[in-house]
PDB file of N, CA and C in Angstrom:
ATOM      1  N   MET A   1       0.857  -1.199   0.006  1.00  0.00           N
ATOM      2  CA  MET A   1      -0.004   0.039  -0.038  1.00  0.00           C
ATOM      3  C   MET A   1       0.875   1.237  -0.023  1.00  0.00           C
ATOM      4  N   THR A   2       0.609   2.149  -0.867  1.00  0.00           N
ATOM      5  CA  THR A   2       1.412   3.351  -0.957  1.00  0.00           C
ATOM      6  C   THR A   2       0.607   4.514  -0.430  1.00  0.00           C
ATOM      7  N   TYR A   3       1.318   5.490   0.133  1.00  0.00           N
ATOM      8  CA  TYR A   3       0.567   6.719   0.702  1.00  0.00           C
ATOM      9  C   TYR A   3       0.782   7.809  -0.324  1.00  0.00           C
ATOM     10  N   ASN A   4      -0.329   8.361  -0.725  1.00  0.00           N
ATOM     11  CA  ASN A   4      -0.265   9.567  -1.619  1.00  0.00           C
ATOM     12  C   ASN A   4      -0.594  10.817  -0.751  1.00  0.00           C
ATOM     13  N   ARG A   5       0.278  11.774  -0.991  1.00  0.00           N
ATOM     14  CA  ARG A   5       0.108  13.069  -0.271  1.00  0.00           C
ATOM     15  C   ARG A   5      -1.074  13.739  -0.800  1.00  0.00           C
ATOM     16  N   PRO A   6      -1.835  14.438   0.056  1.00  0.00           N
ATOM     17  CA  PRO A   6      -3.028  15.165  -0.501  1.00  0.00           C
ATOM     18  C   PRO A   6      -2.497  16.285  -1.342  1.00  0.00           C
ATOM     19  N   ALA A   7      -3.368  16.633  -2.275  1.00  0.00           N
ATOM     20  CA  ALA A   7      -3.043  17.704  -3.218  1.00  0.00           C
ATOM     21  C   ALA A   7      -2.640  18.993  -2.526  1.00  0.00           C
ATOM     22  N   SER A   8      -3.325  19.280  -1.457  1.00  0.00           N
ATOM     23  CA  SER A   8      -2.899  20.585  -0.699  1.00  0.00           C
ATOM     24  C   SER A   8      -1.496  20.446  -0.155  1.00  0.00           C
ATOM     25  N   ALA A   9      -1.007  19.306   0.229  1.00  0.00           N
ATOM     26  CA  ALA A   9       0.318  19.154   0.699  1.00  0.00           C
ATOM     27  C   ALA A   9       1.348  19.345  -0.420  1.00  0.00           C
ATOM     28  N   GLU A  10       0.960  18.806  -1.559  1.00  0.00           N
ATOM     29  CA  GLU A  10       1.829  18.976  -2.780  1.00  0.00           C
ATOM     30  C   GLU A  10       1.901  20.414  -3.172  1.00  0.00           C
ATOM     31  N   ALA A  11       0.747  21.112  -3.138  1.00  0.00           N
ATOM     32  CA  ALA A  11       0.700  22.526  -3.489  1.00  0.00           C
ATOM     33  C   ALA A  11       1.557  23.378  -2.504  1.00  0.00           C
ATOM     34  N   GLY A  12       1.371  22.955  -1.227  1.00  0.00           N
ATOM     35  CA  GLY A  12       2.170  23.702  -0.212  1.00  0.00           C
ATOM     36  C   GLY A  12       3.615  23.527  -0.407  1.00  0.00           C
ATOM     37  N   LYS A  13       4.050  22.261  -0.726  1.00  0.00           N
ATOM     38  CA  LYS A  13       5.509  22.076  -0.935  1.00  0.00           C
ATOM     39  C   LYS A  13       5.993  22.867  -2.150  1.00  0.00           C
ATOM     40  N   ALA A  14       5.191  22.947  -3.200  1.00  0.00           N
ATOM     41  CA  ALA A  14       5.546  23.669  -4.421  1.00  0.00           C
ATOM     42  C   ALA A  14       5.690  25.110  -4.058  1.00  0.00           C
ATOM     43  N   ALA A  15       4.761  25.628  -3.242  1.00  0.00           N
ATOM     44  CA  ALA A  15       4.791  27.072  -2.825  1.00  0.00           C
ATOM     45  C   ALA A  15       6.060  27.335  -2.066  1.00  0.00           C
ATOM     46  N   GLU A  16       6.479  26.396  -1.177  1.00  0.00           N
ATOM     47  CA  GLU A  16       7.694  26.594  -0.379  1.00  0.00           C
ATOM     48  C   GLU A  16       8.872  26.606  -1.306  1.00  0.00           C
ATOM     49  N   GLN A  17       8.957  25.733  -2.320  1.00  0.00           N
ATOM     50  CA  GLN A  17      10.007  25.721  -3.223  1.00  0.00           C
ATOM     51  C   GLN A  17      10.077  26.983  -4.077  1.00  0.00           C
ATOM     52  N   GLU A  18       8.970  27.529  -4.490  1.00  0.00           N
ATOM     53  CA  GLU A  18       8.956  28.737  -5.265  1.00  0.00           C
ATOM     54  C   GLU A  18       9.375  29.915  -4.431  1.00  0.00           C
ATOM     55  N   ALA A  19       8.884  29.974  -3.145  1.00  0.00           N
ATOM     56  CA  ALA A  19       9.314  30.993  -2.262  1.00  0.00           C
ATOM     57  C   ALA A  19      10.803  30.931  -1.983  1.00  0.00           C
ATOM     58  N   GLU A  20      11.384  29.772  -1.883  1.00  0.00           N
ATOM     59  CA  GLU A  20      12.846  29.642  -1.656  1.00  0.00           C
ATOM     60  C   GLU A  20      13.646  30.153  -2.883  1.00  0.00           C
ATOM     61  N   ARG A  21      13.102  29.867  -4.085  1.00  0.00           N
ATOM     62  CA  ARG A  21      13.797  30.363  -5.339  1.00  0.00           C
ATOM     63  C   ARG A  21      13.730  31.883  -5.368  1.00  0.00           C
ATOM     64  N   TYR A  22      12.568  32.390  -5.045  1.00  0.00           N
ATOM     65  CA  TYR A  22      12.286  33.828  -5.056  1.00  0.00           C
ATOM     66  C   TYR A  22      13.180  34.596  -4.132  1.00  0.00           C
ATOM     67  N   LEU A  23      13.260  34.091  -2.890  1.00  0.00           N
ATOM     68  CA  LEU A  23      14.113  34.684  -1.846  1.00  0.00           C
ATOM     69  C   LEU A  23      15.606  34.562  -2.142  1.00  0.00           C
ATOM     70  N   THR A  24      15.996  33.468  -2.667  1.00  0.00           N
ATOM     71  CA  THR A  24      17.407  33.246  -3.029  1.00  0.00           C
ATOM     72  C   THR A  24      17.794  34.223  -4.127  1.00  0.00           C
ATOM     73  N   ALA A  25      16.833  34.451  -5.119  1.00  0.00           N
ATOM     74  CA  ALA A  25      17.092  35.414  -6.204  1.00  0.00           C
ATOM     75  C   ALA A  25      17.216  36.855  -5.588  1.00  0.00           C
ATOM     76  N   GLN A  26      16.627  37.080  -4.432  1.00  0.00           N
ATOM     77  CA  GLN A  26      16.671  38.437  -3.797  1.00  0.00           C
ATOM     78  C   GLN A  26      17.917  38.580  -2.905  1.00  0.00           C
ATOM     79  N   GLY A  27      18.753  37.453  -2.842  1.00  0.00           N
ATOM     80  CA  GLY A  27      20.023  37.551  -2.162  1.00  0.00           C
ATOM     81  C   GLY A  27      20.012  36.875  -0.879  1.00  0.00           C
ATOM     82  N   LEU A  28      18.925  36.229  -0.368  1.00  0.00           N
ATOM     83  CA  LEU A  28      18.967  35.429   0.866  1.00  0.00           C
ATOM     84  C   LEU A  28      19.599  34.123   0.641  1.00  0.00           C
ATOM     85  N   THR A  29      20.074  33.475   1.699  1.00  0.00           N
ATOM     86  CA  THR A  29      20.731  32.201   1.627  1.00  0.00           C
ATOM     87  C   THR A  29      19.985  31.183   2.497  1.00  0.00           C
ATOM     88  N   VAL A  30      19.716  30.068   1.936  1.00  0.00           N
ATOM     89  CA  VAL A  30      18.996  28.919   2.743  1.00  0.00           C
ATOM     90  C   VAL A  30      19.965  28.430   3.882  1.00  0.00           C
ATOM     91  N   ARG A  31      19.388  28.308   5.025  1.00  0.00           N
ATOM     92  CA  ARG A  31      20.060  27.662   6.101  1.00  0.00           C
ATOM     93  C   ARG A  31      19.374  26.374   6.532  1.00  0.00           C
ATOM     94  N   ASP A  32      18.098  26.337   6.469  1.00  0.00           N
ATOM     95  CA  ASP A  32      17.286  25.154   6.867  1.00  0.00           C
ATOM     96  C   ASP A  32      15.949  25.160   6.196  1.00  0.00           C
ATOM     97  N   ARG A  33      15.373  24.025   6.064  1.00  0.00           N
ATOM     98  CA  ARG A  33      13.990  23.908   5.482  1.00  0.00           C
ATOM     99  C   ARG A  33      13.150  23.030   6.376  1.00  0.00           C
ATOM    100  N   ASN A  34      11.930  23.411   6.513  1.00  0.00           N
ATOM    101  CA  ASN A  34      10.889  22.639   7.191  1.00  0.00           C
ATOM    102  C   ASN A  34      11.483  22.166   8.639  1.00  0.00           C
ATOM    103  N   TYR A  35      11.911  23.203   9.454  1.00  0.00           N
ATOM    104  CA  TYR A  35      12.423  22.869  10.767  1.00  0.00           C
ATOM    105  C   TYR A  35      11.208  22.591  11.652  1.00  0.00           C
ATOM    106  N   ARG A  36      11.145  21.354  12.278  1.00  0.00           N
ATOM    107  CA  ARG A  36      10.076  21.004  13.034  1.00  0.00           C
ATOM    108  C   ARG A  36      10.525  20.692  14.447  1.00  0.00           C
ATOM    109  N   CYS A  37       9.640  21.213  15.426  1.00  0.00           N
ATOM    110  CA  CYS A  37       9.903  20.863  16.890  1.00  0.00           C
ATOM    111  C   CYS A  37       8.510  20.846  17.547  1.00  0.00           C
ATOM    112  N   LYS A  38       8.507  20.592  18.799  1.00  0.00           N
ATOM    113  CA  LYS A  38       7.268  20.481  19.510  1.00  0.00           C
ATOM    114  C   LYS A  38       6.383  21.759  19.395  1.00  0.00           C
ATOM    115  N   ALA A  39       7.086  22.886  19.360  1.00  0.00           N
ATOM    116  CA  ALA A  39       6.391  24.181  19.283  1.00  0.00           C
ATOM    117  C   ALA A  39       5.753  24.467  17.940  1.00  0.00           C
ATOM    118  N   GLY A  40       6.225  23.853  16.919  1.00  0.00           N
ATOM    119  CA  GLY A  40       5.664  24.081  15.576  1.00  0.00           C
ATOM    120  C   GLY A  40       6.665  23.859  14.411  1.00  0.00           C
ATOM    121  N   GLU A  41       6.455  24.451  13.239  1.00  0.00           N
ATOM    122  CA  GLU A  41       7.290  24.176  12.102  1.00  0.00           C
ATOM    123  C   GLU A  41       7.608  25.574  11.548  1.00  0.00           C
ATOM    124  N   ILE A  42       8.884  25.725  11.059  1.00  0.00           N
ATOM    125  CA  ILE A  42       9.286  26.919  10.331  1.00  0.00           C
ATOM    126  C   ILE A  42       9.613  26.412   8.940  1.00  0.00           C
ATOM    127  N   ASP A  43       8.918  27.093   7.919  1.00  0.00           N
ATOM    128  CA  ASP A  43       9.050  26.590   6.578  1.00  0.00           C
ATOM    129  C   ASP A  43      10.476  26.737   6.000  1.00  0.00           C
ATOM    130  N   LEU A  44      11.046  27.927   6.217  1.00  0.00           N
ATOM    131  CA  LEU A  44      12.397  28.254   5.751  1.00  0.00           C
ATOM    132  C   LEU A  44      13.178  29.055   6.808  1.00  0.00           C
ATOM    133  N   VAL A  45      14.378  28.735   7.026  1.00  0.00           N
ATOM    134  CA  VAL A  45      15.279  29.479   7.775  1.00  0.00           C
ATOM    135  C   VAL A  45      16.395  29.975   6.871  1.00  0.00           C
ATOM    136  N   MET A  46      16.507  31.304   6.734  1.00  0.00           N
ATOM    137  CA  MET A  46      17.500  31.863   5.778  1.00  0.00           C
ATOM    138  C   MET A  46      18.335  32.914   6.396  1.00  0.00           C
ATOM    139  N   THR A  47      19.353  33.360   5.799  1.00  0.00           N
ATOM    140  CA  THR A  47      20.186  34.476   6.187  1.00  0.00           C
ATOM    141  C   THR A  47      20.089  35.604   5.222  1.00  0.00           C
ATOM    142  N   ASP A  48      20.037  36.814   5.632  1.00  0.00           N
ATOM    143  CA  ASP A  48      19.949  37.997   4.808  1.00  0.00           C
ATOM    144  C   ASP A  48      21.057  39.007   5.402  1.00  0.00           C
ATOM    145  N   GLY A  49      22.202  38.865   4.853  1.00  0.00           N
ATOM    146  CA  GLY A  49      23.271  39.613   5.447  1.00  0.00           C
ATOM    147  C   GLY A  49      23.639  38.994   6.820  1.00  0.00           C
ATOM    148  N   ASN A  50      23.631  39.811   7.850  1.00  0.00           N
ATOM    149  CA  ASN A  50      23.854  39.207   9.186  1.00  0.00           C
ATOM    150  C   ASN A  50      22.635  38.788   9.931  1.00  0.00           C
ATOM    151  N   ALA A  51      21.476  38.936   9.287  1.00  0.00           N
ATOM    152  CA  ALA A  51      20.201  38.611   9.950  1.00  0.00           C
ATOM    153  C   ALA A  51      19.798  37.195   9.683  1.00  0.00           C
ATOM    154  N   LEU A  52      19.210  36.535  10.733  1.00  0.00           N
ATOM    155  CA  LEU A  52      18.640  35.232  10.511  1.00  0.00           C
ATOM    156  C   LEU A  52      17.103  35.454  10.282  1.00  0.00           C
ATOM    157  N   VAL A  53      16.568  34.862   9.272  1.00  0.00           N
ATOM    158  CA  VAL A  53      15.284  35.161   8.769  1.00  0.00           C
ATOM    159  C   VAL A  53      14.452  33.901   8.852  1.00  0.00           C
ATOM    160  N   PHE A  54      13.319  33.911   9.655  1.00  0.00           N
ATOM    161  CA  PHE A  54      12.399  32.778   9.773  1.00  0.00           C
ATOM    162  C   PHE A  54      11.208  33.124   8.788  1.00  0.00           C
ATOM    163  N   VAL A  55      10.999  32.253   7.791  1.00  0.00           N
ATOM    164  CA  VAL A  55      10.053  32.490   6.742  1.00  0.00           C
ATOM    165  C   VAL A  55       8.854  31.588   6.881  1.00  0.00           C
ATOM    166  N   GLU A  56       7.690  32.183   6.891  1.00  0.00           N
ATOM    167  CA  GLU A  56       6.472  31.391   6.873  1.00  0.00           C
ATOM    168  C   GLU A  56       5.851  31.634   5.430  1.00  0.00           C
ATOM    169  N   VAL A  57       5.571  30.473   4.714  1.00  0.00           N
ATOM    170  CA  VAL A  57       5.006  30.482   3.445  1.00  0.00           C
ATOM    171  C   VAL A  57       3.593  30.150   3.568  1.00  0.00           C
ATOM    172  N   ARG A  58       2.676  31.015   2.952  1.00  0.00           N
ATOM    173  CA  ARG A  58       1.222  30.810   3.052  1.00  0.00           C
ATOM    174  C   ARG A  58       0.717  30.732   1.598  1.00  0.00           C
ATOM    175  N   LEU A  59      -0.189  29.789   1.407  1.00  0.00           N
ATOM    176  CA  LEU A  59      -0.832  29.550   0.150  1.00  0.00           C
ATOM    177  C   LEU A  59      -2.317  29.562   0.330  1.00  0.00           C
ATOM    178  N   ARG A  60      -3.090  30.356  -0.446  1.00  0.00           N
ATOM    179  CA  ARG A  60      -4.464  30.350  -0.406  1.00  0.00           C
ATOM    180  C   ARG A  60      -4.898  29.883  -1.759  1.00  0.00           C
ATOM    181  N   ARG A  61      -5.707  28.820  -1.911  1.00  0.00           N
ATOM    182  CA  ARG A  61      -6.098  28.325  -3.121  1.00  0.00           C
ATOM    183  C   ARG A  61      -7.440  28.846  -3.663  1.00  0.00           C
ATOM    184  N   HIS A  62      -8.150  29.426  -2.649  1.00  0.00           N
ATOM    185  CA  HIS A  62      -9.530  29.986  -2.969  1.00  0.00           C
ATOM    186  C   HIS A  62      -9.678  31.378  -2.352  1.00  0.00           C
ATOM    187  N   ASN A  63     -10.415  32.208  -3.030  1.00  0.00           N
ATOM    188  CA  ASN A  63     -10.765  33.447  -2.412  1.00  0.00           C
ATOM    189  C   ASN A  63     -11.527  33.276  -1.163  1.00  0.00           C
ATOM    190  N   GLY A  64     -11.189  34.003  -0.104  1.00  0.00           N
ATOM    191  CA  GLY A  64     -11.975  33.863   1.133  1.00  0.00           C
ATOM    192  C   GLY A  64     -12.068  35.173   1.766  1.00  0.00           C
ATOM    193  N   PHE A  65     -12.232  35.128   3.106  1.00  0.00           N
ATOM    194  CA  PHE A  65     -12.418  36.343   3.889  1.00  0.00           C
ATOM    195  C   PHE A  65     -11.040  37.121   4.092  1.00  0.00           C
ATOM    196  N   ALA A  66      -9.958  36.316   3.972  1.00  0.00           N
ATOM    197  CA  ALA A  66      -8.640  36.809   4.239  1.00  0.00           C
ATOM    198  C   ALA A  66      -7.649  36.466   3.229  1.00  0.00           C
ATOM    199  N   SER A  67      -6.642  37.337   2.989  1.00  0.00           N
ATOM    200  CA  SER A  67      -5.599  36.949   2.060  1.00  0.00           C
ATOM    201  C   SER A  67      -4.696  35.947   2.719  1.00  0.00           C
ATOM    202  N   ALA A  68      -3.758  35.386   1.958  1.00  0.00           N
ATOM    203  CA  ALA A  68      -2.813  34.403   2.471  1.00  0.00           C
ATOM    204  C   ALA A  68      -2.053  34.994   3.617  1.00  0.00           C
ATOM    205  N   ALA A  69      -1.518  36.207   3.431  1.00  0.00           N
ATOM    206  CA  ALA A  69      -0.672  36.900   4.500  1.00  0.00           C
ATOM    207  C   ALA A  69      -1.522  37.119   5.711  1.00  0.00           C
ATOM    208  N   GLU A  70      -2.796  37.417   5.564  1.00  0.00           N
ATOM    209  CA  GLU A  70      -3.624  37.728   6.785  1.00  0.00           C
ATOM    210  C   GLU A  70      -3.940  36.539   7.569  1.00  0.00           C
ATOM    211  N   THR A  71      -3.670  35.283   7.061  1.00  0.00           N
ATOM    212  CA  THR A  71      -3.937  34.088   7.806  1.00  0.00           C
ATOM    213  C   THR A  71      -2.858  33.830   8.872  1.00  0.00           C
ATOM    214  N   VAL A  72      -1.764  34.632   8.814  1.00  0.00           N
ATOM    215  CA  VAL A  72      -0.718  34.486   9.886  1.00  0.00           C
ATOM    216  C   VAL A  72      -1.187  35.379  11.028  1.00  0.00           C
ATOM    217  N   ASP A  73      -2.164  34.836  11.757  1.00  0.00           N
ATOM    218  CA  ASP A  73      -2.739  35.546  12.869  1.00  0.00           C
ATOM    219  C   ASP A  73      -1.859  35.570  14.105  1.00  0.00           C
ATOM    220  N   PHE A  74      -2.304  36.140  15.205  1.00  0.00           N
ATOM    221  CA  PHE A  74      -1.565  36.207  16.430  1.00  0.00           C
ATOM    222  C   PHE A  74      -1.123  34.815  16.922  1.00  0.00           C
ATOM    223  N   ARG A  75      -2.017  33.937  16.914  1.00  0.00           N
ATOM    224  CA  ARG A  75      -1.720  32.553  17.406  1.00  0.00           C
ATOM    225  C   ARG A  75      -0.711  31.927  16.608  1.00  0.00           C
ATOM    226  N   LYS A  76      -0.727  32.047  15.304  1.00  0.00           N
ATOM    227  CA  LYS A  76       0.322  31.461  14.425  1.00  0.00           C
ATOM    228  C   LYS A  76       1.593  32.176  14.625  1.00  0.00           C
ATOM    229  N   GLN A  77       1.621  33.472  14.801  1.00  0.00           N
ATOM    230  CA  GLN A  77       2.836  34.182  15.081  1.00  0.00           C
ATOM    231  C   GLN A  77       3.480  33.707  16.431  1.00  0.00           C
ATOM    232  N   GLN A  78       2.667  33.504  17.386  1.00  0.00           N
ATOM    233  CA  GLN A  78       3.249  32.935  18.653  1.00  0.00           C
ATOM    234  C   GLN A  78       3.882  31.577  18.483  1.00  0.00           C
ATOM    235  N   LYS A  79       3.302  30.680  17.721  1.00  0.00           N
ATOM    236  CA  LYS A  79       3.841  29.410  17.445  1.00  0.00           C
ATOM    237  C   LYS A  79       5.181  29.518  16.664  1.00  0.00           C
ATOM    238  N   LEU A  80       5.218  30.444  15.718  1.00  0.00           N
ATOM    239  CA  LEU A  80       6.459  30.648  14.988  1.00  0.00           C
ATOM    240  C   LEU A  80       7.589  31.195  15.896  1.00  0.00           C
ATOM    241  N   ILE A  81       7.238  32.072  16.746  1.00  0.00           N
ATOM    242  CA  ILE A  81       8.144  32.650  17.687  1.00  0.00           C
ATOM    243  C   ILE A  81       8.687  31.559  18.628  1.00  0.00           C
ATOM    244  N   ARG A  82       7.874  30.676  19.148  1.00  0.00           N
ATOM    245  CA  ARG A  82       8.372  29.640  20.038  1.00  0.00           C
ATOM    246  C   ARG A  82       9.238  28.684  19.257  1.00  0.00           C
ATOM    247  N   ALA A  83       8.874  28.330  17.973  1.00  0.00           N
ATOM    248  CA  ALA A  83       9.615  27.467  17.127  1.00  0.00           C
ATOM    249  C   ALA A  83      11.055  28.101  16.841  1.00  0.00           C
ATOM    250  N   ALA A  84      11.049  29.393  16.624  1.00  0.00           N
ATOM    251  CA  ALA A  84      12.346  30.079  16.344  1.00  0.00           C
ATOM    252  C   ALA A  84      13.178  30.146  17.584  1.00  0.00           C
ATOM    253  N   GLN A  85      12.521  30.319  18.791  1.00  0.00           N
ATOM    254  CA  GLN A  85      13.379  30.238  20.003  1.00  0.00           C
ATOM    255  C   GLN A  85      13.979  28.821  20.177  1.00  0.00           C
ATOM    256  N   HIS A  86      13.197  27.872  19.908  1.00  0.00           N
ATOM    257  CA  HIS A  86      13.749  26.507  19.960  1.00  0.00           C
ATOM    258  C   HIS A  86      14.926  26.330  19.011  1.00  0.00           C
ATOM    259  N   TYR A  87      14.739  26.811  17.792  1.00  0.00           N
ATOM    260  CA  TYR A  87      15.863  26.718  16.723  1.00  0.00           C
ATOM    261  C   TYR A  87      17.090  27.447  17.206  1.00  0.00           C
ATOM    262  N   LEU A  88      16.939  28.655  17.792  1.00  0.00           N
ATOM    263  CA  LEU A  88      18.059  29.393  18.256  1.00  0.00           C
ATOM    264  C   LEU A  88      18.785  28.674  19.299  1.00  0.00           C
ATOM    265  N   GLN A  89      18.035  28.091  20.236  1.00  0.00           N
ATOM    266  CA  GLN A  89      18.671  27.316  21.387  1.00  0.00           C
ATOM    267  C   GLN A  89      19.361  26.122  20.831  1.00  0.00           C
ATOM    268  N   ARG A  90      18.721  25.371  19.949  1.00  0.00           N
ATOM    269  CA  ARG A  90      19.303  24.191  19.420  1.00  0.00           C
ATOM    270  C   ARG A  90      20.569  24.386  18.684  1.00  0.00           C
ATOM    271  N   THR A  91      20.624  25.479  18.012  1.00  0.00           N
ATOM    272  CA  THR A  91      21.779  25.809  17.150  1.00  0.00           C
ATOM    273  C   THR A  91      22.844  26.652  17.858  1.00  0.00           C
ATOM    274  N   GLY A  92      22.580  27.029  19.057  1.00  0.00           N
ATOM    275  CA  GLY A  92      23.505  27.840  19.890  1.00  0.00           C
ATOM    276  C   GLY A  92      23.597  29.289  19.483  1.00  0.00           C
ATOM    277  N   LEU A  93      22.633  29.756  18.742  1.00  0.00           N
ATOM    278  CA  LEU A  93      22.698  31.181  18.267  1.00  0.00           C
ATOM    279  C   LEU A  93      21.922  32.098  19.106  1.00  0.00           C
ATOM    280  N   THR A  94      21.552  31.750  20.352  1.00  0.00           N
ATOM    281  CA  THR A  94      20.595  32.467  21.131  1.00  0.00           C
ATOM    282  C   THR A  94      20.781  33.995  21.160  1.00  0.00           C
ATOM    283  N   ASP A  95      21.957  34.472  21.531  1.00  0.00           N
ATOM    284  CA  ASP A  95      22.017  35.959  21.720  1.00  0.00           C
ATOM    285  C   ASP A  95      22.986  36.594  20.667  1.00  0.00           C
ATOM    286  N   ARG A  96      23.399  35.806  19.725  1.00  0.00           N
ATOM    287  CA  ARG A  96      24.431  36.282  18.819  1.00  0.00           C
ATOM    288  C   ARG A  96      23.980  36.765  17.484  1.00  0.00           C
ATOM    289  N   VAL A  97      22.694  36.778  17.244  1.00  0.00           N
ATOM    290  CA  VAL A  97      22.296  37.049  15.892  1.00  0.00           C
ATOM    291  C   VAL A  97      21.026  37.854  15.881  1.00  0.00           C
ATOM    292  N   ALA A  98      20.847  38.824  14.963  1.00  0.00           N
ATOM    293  CA  ALA A  98      19.605  39.537  14.752  1.00  0.00           C
ATOM    294  C   ALA A  98      18.712  38.626  13.975  1.00  0.00           C
ATOM    295  N   CYS A  99      17.402  38.645  14.353  1.00  0.00           N
ATOM    296  CA  CYS A  99      16.410  37.814  13.792  1.00  0.00           C
ATOM    297  C   CYS A  99      15.290  38.639  13.250  1.00  0.00           C
ATOM    298  N   ARG A 100      14.538  38.069  12.204  1.00  0.00           N
ATOM    299  CA  ARG A 100      13.287  38.679  11.795  1.00  0.00           C
ATOM    300  C   ARG A 100      12.389  37.638  11.257  1.00  0.00           C
ATOM    301  N   PHE A 101      11.067  37.915  11.187  1.00  0.00           N
ATOM    302  CA  PHE A 101      10.055  37.021  10.680  1.00  0.00           C
ATOM    303  C   PHE A 101       9.493  37.559   9.431  1.00  0.00           C
ATOM    304  N   ASP A 102       9.601  36.808   8.357  1.00  0.00           N
ATOM    305  CA  ASP A 102       9.046  37.248   7.062  1.00  0.00           C
ATOM    306  C   ASP A 102       7.880  36.289   6.659  1.00  0.00           C
ATOM    307  N   VAL A 103       6.969  36.848   5.915  1.00  0.00           N
ATOM    308  CA  VAL A 103       5.907  36.055   5.271  1.00  0.00           C
ATOM    309  C   VAL A 103       5.987  36.053   3.783  1.00  0.00           C
ATOM    310  N   VAL A 104       5.913  35.004   3.073  1.00  0.00           N
ATOM    311  CA  VAL A 104       5.802  34.985   1.676  1.00  0.00           C
ATOM    312  C   VAL A 104       4.436  34.379   1.344  1.00  0.00           C
ATOM    313  N   ALA A 105       3.548  35.145   0.634  1.00  0.00           N
ATOM    314  CA  ALA A 105       2.168  34.749   0.484  1.00  0.00           C
ATOM    315  C   ALA A 105       1.839  34.512  -1.040  1.00  0.00           C
ATOM    316  N   PHE A 106       1.019  33.502  -1.295  1.00  0.00           N
ATOM    317  CA  PHE A 106       0.568  33.246  -2.602  1.00  0.00           C
ATOM    318  C   PHE A 106      -0.914  33.287  -2.548  1.00  0.00           C
ATOM    319  N   ASP A 107      -1.627  34.131  -3.329  1.00  0.00           N
ATOM    320  CA  ASP A 107      -3.057  34.179  -3.373  1.00  0.00           C
ATOM    321  C   ASP A 107      -3.605  33.716  -4.701  1.00  0.00           C
ATOM    322  N   PRO A 108      -4.844  33.395  -4.695  1.00  0.00           N
ATOM    323  CA  PRO A 108      -5.402  32.957  -6.057  1.00  0.00           C
ATOM    324  C   PRO A 108      -5.272  33.992  -7.135  1.00  0.00           C
ATOM    325  N   ARG A 109      -5.329  35.240  -6.806  1.00  0.00           N
ATOM    326  CA  ARG A 109      -5.242  36.322  -7.815  1.00  0.00           C
ATOM    327  C   ARG A 109      -3.842  36.263  -8.538  1.00  0.00           C
ATOM    328  N   ARG A 110      -2.876  35.595  -7.933  1.00  0.00           N
ATOM    329  CA  ARG A 110      -1.536  35.531  -8.430  1.00  0.00           C
ATOM    330  C   ARG A 110      -1.542  34.929  -9.828  1.00  0.00           C
ATOM    331  N   ALA A 111      -2.447  33.995 -10.027  1.00  0.00           N
ATOM    332  CA  ALA A 111      -2.574  33.327 -11.414  1.00  0.00           C
ATOM    333  C   ALA A 111      -2.751  34.442 -12.502  1.00  0.00           C
ATOM    334  N   ALA A 112      -3.305  35.469 -12.143  1.00  0.00           N
ATOM    335  CA  ALA A 112      -3.575  36.562 -13.117  1.00  0.00           C
ATOM    336  C   ALA A 112      -2.364  37.470 -13.305  1.00  0.00           C
ATOM    337  N   GLY A 113      -1.213  37.100 -12.696  1.00  0.00           N
ATOM    338  CA  GLY A 113      -0.010  37.773 -12.970  1.00  0.00           C
ATOM    339  C   GLY A 113       0.460  38.688 -11.814  1.00  0.00           C
ATOM    340  N   ALA A 114      -0.239  38.687 -10.641  1.00  0.00           N
ATOM    341  CA  ALA A 114       0.191  39.465  -9.459  1.00  0.00           C
ATOM    342  C   ALA A 114       1.510  38.873  -8.912  1.00  0.00           C
ATOM    343  N   PRO A 115       2.443  39.698  -8.477  1.00  0.00           N
ATOM    344  CA  PRO A 115       3.742  39.214  -7.965  1.00  0.00           C
ATOM    345  C   PRO A 115       3.506  38.473  -6.581  1.00  0.00           C
ATOM    346  N   ILE A 116       4.519  37.733  -6.246  1.00  0.00           N
ATOM    347  CA  ILE A 116       4.649  37.153  -4.958  1.00  0.00           C
ATOM    348  C   ILE A 116       4.608  38.221  -3.883  1.00  0.00           C
ATOM    349  N   THR A 117       3.844  38.007  -2.889  1.00  0.00           N
ATOM    350  CA  THR A 117       3.876  39.002  -1.753  1.00  0.00           C
ATOM    351  C   THR A 117       4.827  38.610  -0.744  1.00  0.00           C
ATOM    352  N   TRP A 118       5.868  39.407  -0.593  1.00  0.00           N
ATOM    353  CA  TRP A 118       6.966  39.118   0.423  1.00  0.00           C
ATOM    354  C   TRP A 118       6.856  40.218   1.523  1.00  0.00           C
ATOM    355  N   LEU A 119       6.492  39.865   2.747  1.00  0.00           N
ATOM    356  CA  LEU A 119       6.411  40.812   3.766  1.00  0.00           C
ATOM    357  C   LEU A 119       7.613  40.711   4.687  1.00  0.00           C
ATOM    358  N   LYS A 120       8.590  41.608   4.496  1.00  0.00           N
ATOM    359  CA  LYS A 120       9.804  41.545   5.336  1.00  0.00           C
ATOM    360  C   LYS A 120       9.415  42.094   6.730  1.00  0.00           C
ATOM    361  N   ASP A 121      10.010  41.395   7.658  1.00  0.00           N
ATOM    362  CA  ASP A 121       9.788  41.825   9.119  1.00  0.00           C
ATOM    363  C   ASP A 121       8.239  41.951   9.338  1.00  0.00           C
ATOM    364  N   ALA A 122       7.476  40.907   8.976  1.00  0.00           N
ATOM    365  CA  ALA A 122       6.037  40.882   9.009  1.00  0.00           C
ATOM    366  C   ALA A 122       5.484  41.086  10.478  1.00  0.00           C
ATOM    367  N   PHE A 123       6.234  40.583  11.420  1.00  0.00           N
ATOM    368  CA  PHE A 123       5.779  40.751  12.867  1.00  0.00           C
ATOM    369  C   PHE A 123       7.021  40.636  13.742  1.00  0.00           C
ATOM    370  N   SER A 124       6.913  40.955  14.976  1.00  0.00           N
ATOM    371  CA  SER A 124       8.025  41.033  15.896  1.00  0.00           C
ATOM    372  C   SER A 124       7.840  40.044  17.043  1.00  0.00           C
ATOM    373  N   ALA A 125       8.936  39.574  17.602  1.00  0.00           N
ATOM    374  CA  ALA A 125       8.904  38.659  18.726  1.00  0.00           C
ATOM    375  C   ALA A 125       8.769  39.478  20.046  1.00  0.00           C
ATOM    376  N   ILE A 126       8.855  40.744  20.015  1.00  0.00           N
ATOM    377  CA  ILE A 126       8.840  41.570  21.238  1.00  0.00           C
ATOM    378  C   ILE A 126       7.505  41.744  21.730  1.00  0.00           C
TER     379      ILE A 126
END
């Protein structure tokens, strides 16, 4: 018996790969992908100069009440912050690096030619 990933998981993986290509073209460097811990998951961990960047990739397949970027609500932000803290502790980077949280969003209207939405420093851990 083989396990087939749901179409939404495949679309999410493709969005993460496209986000990685886009951010790499903008000068960021990949450090880690799909970092998982008890606190949650970080889609991409990248560096931008001296800054460590935790990237959340969001994909909306249908028009709804909120854009893809708007779905990164307070609760999701808190999970990302806790996962980032875990990452920093695990890698020994706790107090030695500047960090930021970015969101890369893909909305249904993008098929009509809208660019990728990249929100630098989308929220703060403070």
